[in-house]
Amino acid sequence: MAGTRWGRWLGLVTAAWVHCISGNNYTFSNYSHALKTLMGLTQLQLNGLSVAKDVGKAFGLLAGLASDRVPT
């Protein structure tokens, strides 16, 4: 019974993380036009910003862990 309880909590926490992490992938198109207009970006610059957002999200955790461990 205890294993099932932990499995359910782990499933809930995992689902919450996936929900938080993947949200911006789907909402960027909702505000990208306003961002482009407000900042005067070209479509190419907006595409670069979108790629930087995705790369930062993909490797941000690793970079954060490395900055905590590597002395400056």
Protein backbone atom coordinates (compact mmCIF):
# COMPACT_ATOMS: atom_id res chain seq x y z
CA MET A 1 0.00 0.00 0.00
CA ALA A 2 2.81 2.42 0.81
CA GLY A 3 4.35 1.96 -2.65
CA THR A 4 1.07 2.88 -4.31
CA ARG A 5 0.77 6.03 -2.24
CA TRP A 6 4.27 7.19 -3.21
CA GLY A 7 3.57 6.34 -6.84
CA ARG A 8 0.51 8.56 -6.85
CA TRP A 9 2.36 11.49 -5.28
CA LEU A 10 5.25 11.04 -7.69
CA GLY A 11 2.79 11.05 -10.58
CA LEU A 12 1.17 14.24 -9.30
CA VAL A 13 4.50 16.03 -8.84
CA THR A 14 5.73 14.88 -12.25
CA ALA A 15 2.54 16.06 -13.93
CA ALA A 16 2.82 19.45 -12.21
CA TRP A 17 6.43 19.88 -13.38
CA VAL A 18 5.55 18.93 -16.95
CA HIS A 19 2.66 21.37 -16.85
CA CYS A 20 4.88 24.21 -15.59
CA ILE A 21 7.76 23.48 -17.94
CA SER A 22 5.80 23.04 -21.16
CA GLY A 23 3.43 25.96 -20.83
CA ASN A 24 5.56 28.58 -22.58
CA ASN A 25 6.00 26.38 -25.65
CA TYR A 26 2.31 26.74 -26.38
CA THR A 27 1.71 30.32 -25.21
CA PHE A 28 4.61 32.04 -27.00
CA SER A 29 2.51 32.36 -30.15
CA ASN A 30 -0.18 34.18 -28.14
CA TYR A 31 2.07 37.07 -27.14
CA SER A 32 4.81 36.98 -29.78
CA HIS A 33 3.05 39.48 -32.06
CA ALA A 34 2.70 42.00 -29.22
CA LEU A 35 6.33 41.43 -28.24
CA LYS A 36 7.44 41.91 -31.84
CA THR A 37 5.48 45.16 -32.16
CA LEU A 38 6.47 46.55 -28.77
CA MET A 39 10.18 45.89 -29.19
CA GLY A 40 10.33 46.57 -32.94
CA LEU A 41 11.72 43.13 -33.75
CA THR A 42 11.97 41.57 -37.19
CA GLN A 43 10.57 38.10 -37.72
CA LEU A 44 14.11 36.71 -37.82
CA GLN A 45 14.92 38.31 -34.44
CA LEU A 46 11.68 36.97 -32.99
CA ASN A 47 12.56 33.49 -34.24
CA GLY A 48 15.99 33.80 -32.59
CA LEU A 49 14.34 34.83 -29.33
CA SER A 50 12.06 31.81 -29.52
CA VAL A 51 15.02 29.49 -30.09
CA ALA A 52 16.93 31.10 -27.20
CA LYS A 53 13.88 30.56 -24.98
CA ASP A 54 13.74 26.88 -25.91
CA VAL A 55 17.49 26.32 -25.48
CA GLY A 56 17.46 28.15 -22.15
CA LYS A 57 14.61 26.02 -20.93
CA ALA A 58 16.28 22.82 -22.10
CA PHE A 59 19.70 23.53 -20.58
CA GLY A 60 18.88 26.01 -17.82
CA LEU A 61 18.86 23.42 -15.07
CA LEU A 62 22.25 22.06 -16.10
CA ALA A 63 23.73 25.55 -16.30
CA GLY A 64 22.34 26.39 -12.88
CA LEU A 65 23.76 23.24 -11.33
CA ALA A 66 27.13 23.89 -12.97
CA SER A 67 27.24 27.47 -11.69
CA ASP A 68 26.57 26.21 -8.17
CA ARG A 69 29.35 23.61 -8.33
CA VAL A 70 32.09 25.36 -10.32
CA PRO A 71 34.07 27.94 -8.35
CA THR A 72 34.36 31.41 -9.85
